[in-house]
C-alpha atoms as a PDB file:
ATOM      1  CA  MET A   1      -3.903  60.069 -53.280  1.00  0.00           C
ATOM      2  CA  ARG A   2      -2.633  56.576 -52.320  1.00  0.00           C
ATOM      3  CA  LYS A   3      -4.981  56.917 -49.651  1.00  0.00           C
ATOM      4  CA  TYR A   4      -7.812  56.636 -52.451  1.00  0.00           C
ATOM      5  CA  ILE A   5      -6.032  53.841 -54.413  1.00  0.00           C
ATOM      6  CA  ARG A   6      -5.943  51.764 -51.502  1.00  0.00           C
ATOM      7  CA  ILE A   7      -9.820  52.491 -51.007  1.00  0.00           C
ATOM      8  CA  TRP A   8     -10.517  51.755 -54.683  1.00  0.00           C
ATOM      9  CA  ALA A   9      -8.640  48.541 -54.341  1.00  0.00           C
ATOM     10  CA  ILE A  10     -10.020  47.116 -50.963  1.00  0.00           C
ATOM     11  CA  THR A  11     -13.753  47.833 -52.777  1.00  0.00           C
ATOM     12  CA  ILE A  12     -12.696  45.958 -55.815  1.00  0.00           C
ATOM     13  CA  LEU A  13     -11.622  42.918 -53.586  1.00  0.00           C
ATOM     14  CA  PHE A  14     -14.763  43.192 -51.593  1.00  0.00           C
ATOM     15  CA  VAL A  15     -17.043  43.152 -54.555  1.00  0.00           C
ATOM     16  CA  ILE A  16     -15.149  40.336 -56.020  1.00  0.00           C
ATOM     17  CA  VAL A  17     -15.103  38.304 -52.474  1.00  0.00           C
ATOM     18  CA  PHE A  18     -18.646  39.011 -52.133  1.00  0.00           C
ATOM     19  CA  ALA A  19     -19.846  38.137 -56.066  1.00  0.00           C
ATOM     20  CA  SER A  20     -17.938  34.515 -56.010  1.00  0.00           C
ATOM     21  CA  THR A  21     -19.719  33.785 -52.619  1.00  0.00           C
ATOM     22  CA  ALA A  22     -23.352  34.340 -54.604  1.00  0.00           C
ATOM     23  CA  GLN A  23     -22.276  32.321 -57.335  1.00  0.00           C
ATOM     24  CA  ALA A  24     -21.577  29.489 -54.805  1.00  0.00           C
ATOM     25  CA  ALA A  25     -24.524  29.190 -53.115  1.00  0.00           C
ATOM     26  CA  ALA A  26     -25.705  26.226 -52.406  1.00  0.00           C
ATOM     27  CA  LEU A  27     -29.361  25.012 -53.161  1.00  0.00           C
ATOM     28  CA  GLY A  28     -32.187  26.149 -50.855  1.00  0.00           C
ATOM     29  CA  SER A  29     -29.809  28.649 -49.409  1.00  0.00           C
ATOM     30  CA  ARG A  30     -31.678  31.623 -51.560  1.00  0.00           C
ATOM     31  CA  THR A  31     -34.604  32.032 -53.240  1.00  0.00           C
ATOM     32  CA  LEU A  32     -34.296  31.753 -57.086  1.00  0.00           C
ATOM     33  CA  ARG A  33     -35.942  33.165 -59.759  1.00  0.00           C
ATOM     34  CA  VAL A  34     -35.671  34.958 -63.667  1.00  0.00           C
ATOM     35  CA  GLY A  35     -32.374  36.595 -63.942  1.00  0.00           C
ATOM     36  CA  MET A  36     -30.608  34.860 -61.251  1.00  0.00           C
ATOM     37  CA  SER A  37     -27.187  32.478 -62.079  1.00  0.00           C
ATOM     38  CA  GLY A  38     -25.087  30.296 -59.960  1.00  0.00           C
ATOM     39  CA  ASP A  39     -24.110  26.953 -58.950  1.00  0.00           C
ATOM     40  CA  ASP A  40     -27.543  26.466 -56.762  1.00  0.00           C
ATOM     41  CA  VAL A  41     -29.370  27.317 -60.242  1.00  0.00           C
ATOM     42  CA  SER A  42     -27.252  24.634 -61.571  1.00  0.00           C
ATOM     43  CA  GLU A  43     -28.050  22.159 -59.455  1.00  0.00           C
ATOM     44  CA  LEU A  44     -31.790  23.153 -59.565  1.00  0.00           C
ATOM     45  CA  GLN A  45     -31.706  22.639 -63.055  1.00  0.00           C
ATOM     46  CA  GLN A  46     -29.805  19.034 -63.134  1.00  0.00           C
ATOM     47  CA  LEU A  47     -32.567  18.223 -60.297  1.00  0.00           C
ATOM     48  CA  LEU A  48     -35.529  19.136 -62.703  1.00  0.00           C
ATOM     49  CA  LYS A  49     -33.698  17.460 -65.611  1.00  0.00           C
ATOM     50  CA  ARG A  50     -33.163  14.319 -63.606  1.00  0.00           C
ATOM     51  CA  ILE A  51     -37.009  13.798 -63.205  1.00  0.00           C
ATOM     52  CA  GLY A  52     -38.201  14.890 -66.734  1.00  0.00           C
ATOM     53  CA  TYR A  53     -38.847  18.351 -65.918  1.00  0.00           C
ATOM     54  CA  PHE A  54     -35.969  20.151 -67.491  1.00  0.00           C
ATOM     55  CA  ASN A  55     -35.101  19.204 -70.880  1.00  0.00           C
ATOM     56  CA  THR A  56     -32.376  21.463 -72.346  1.00  0.00           C
ATOM     57  CA  ASN A  57     -28.659  21.967 -71.250  1.00  0.00           C
ATOM     58  CA  VAL A  58     -27.666  23.005 -67.667  1.00  0.00           C
ATOM     59  CA  THR A  59     -26.772  26.752 -68.078  1.00  0.00           C
ATOM     60  CA  GLY A  60     -26.672  27.534 -64.211  1.00  0.00           C
ATOM     61  CA  TYR A  61     -28.681  30.766 -65.541  1.00  0.00           C
ATOM     62  CA  TYR A  62     -32.534  30.681 -64.748  1.00  0.00           C
ATOM     63  CA  GLY A  63     -34.369  32.020 -67.547  1.00  0.00           C
ATOM     64  CA  ASN A  64     -37.862  31.432 -68.820  1.00  0.00           C
ATOM     65  CA  VAL A  65     -37.128  27.429 -69.644  1.00  0.00           C
ATOM     66  CA  THR A  66     -36.051  27.060 -66.089  1.00  0.00           C
ATOM     67  CA  ARG A  67     -39.194  29.373 -65.105  1.00  0.00           C
ATOM     68  CA  SER A  68     -41.372  27.418 -66.982  1.00  0.00           C
ATOM     69  CA  SER A  69     -39.894  24.054 -65.790  1.00  0.00           C
ATOM     70  CA  VAL A  70     -40.202  25.201 -62.559  1.00  0.00           C
ATOM     71  CA  MET A  71     -44.201  26.005 -63.133  1.00  0.00           C
ATOM     72  CA  SER A  72     -44.292  22.640 -64.457  1.00  0.00           C
ATOM     73  CA  PHE A  73     -43.352  20.531 -61.465  1.00  0.00           C
ATOM     74  CA  GLN A  74     -45.295  23.283 -58.542  1.00  0.00           C
ATOM     75  CA  SER A  75     -48.400  22.474 -60.744  1.00  0.00           C
ATOM     76  CA  ALA A  76     -47.809  18.557 -60.597  1.00  0.00           C
ATOM     77  CA  TYR A  77     -47.185  18.739 -56.640  1.00  0.00           C
ATOM     78  CA  GLY A  78     -49.930  21.052 -55.848  1.00  0.00           C
ATOM     79  CA  LEU A  79     -47.566  24.102 -55.188  1.00  0.00           C
ATOM     80  CA  THR A  80     -48.182  27.903 -55.919  1.00  0.00           C
ATOM     81  CA  ARG A  81     -47.189  27.771 -59.943  1.00  0.00           C
ATOM     82  CA  ASP A  82     -45.239  31.068 -59.823  1.00  0.00           C
ATOM     83  CA  GLY A  83     -42.368  29.904 -61.457  1.00  0.00           C
ATOM     84  CA  ILE A  84     -40.121  30.844 -58.190  1.00  0.00           C
ATOM     85  CA  ALA A  85     -38.118  28.487 -57.158  1.00  0.00           C
ATOM     86  CA  GLY A  86     -38.876  29.081 -53.117  1.00  0.00           C
ATOM     87  CA  PRO A  87     -38.017  26.711 -49.917  1.00  0.00           C
ATOM     88  CA  ASN A  88     -41.326  24.986 -50.790  1.00  0.00           C
ATOM     89  CA  THR A  89     -40.591  23.663 -54.113  1.00  0.00           C
ATOM     90  CA  ILE A  90     -37.096  23.388 -53.288  1.00  0.00           C
ATOM     91  CA  TYR A  91     -37.498  21.212 -50.701  1.00  0.00           C
ATOM     92  CA  ARG A  92     -40.433  19.030 -52.652  1.00  0.00           C
ATOM     93  CA  LEU A  93     -37.893  18.754 -55.249  1.00  0.00           C
ATOM     94  CA  LYS A  94     -34.784  17.726 -53.325  1.00  0.00           C
ATOM     95  CA  TYR A  95     -36.832  15.539 -50.295  1.00  0.00           C
ATOM     96  CA  GLU A  96     -39.950  14.406 -51.224  1.00  0.00           C
ATOM     97  CA  ASN A  97     -39.179  12.687 -54.715  1.00  0.00           C
ATOM     98  CA  GLY A  98     -35.989  11.318 -53.356  1.00  0.00           C
ATOM     99  CA  VAL A  99     -33.620  13.044 -55.323  1.00  0.00           C
ATOM    100  CA  ALA A 100     -31.505  14.279 -52.871  1.00  0.00           C
ATOM    101  CA  ALA A 101     -30.521  11.213 -51.678  1.00  0.00           C
ATOM    102  CA  ASP A 102     -29.075  10.146 -55.087  1.00  0.00           C
ATOM    103  CA  THR A 103     -27.166  13.332 -55.792  1.00  0.00           C
END
């Protein structure tokens, strides 16, 4: 019985550590899309807001408003307009706009 309790405790600890790591991802370390959340989504929203593409409160959740904002940004910068914040979109947002230097 103690063996099973120990296994469950280790499993729960692993899940907690893994979940908190995913939430603390840096912007650009993963591709962002609808349904995701975390610090990197908050940073994406803040950068989009700063240059006028995100006109609501920063939530850290990648929902339809964030998707629409990303699509508008992508369209303006000649990127594939898919609403997914992948490497090209994030690079253009952070570096070619000079926004990253100001954060």
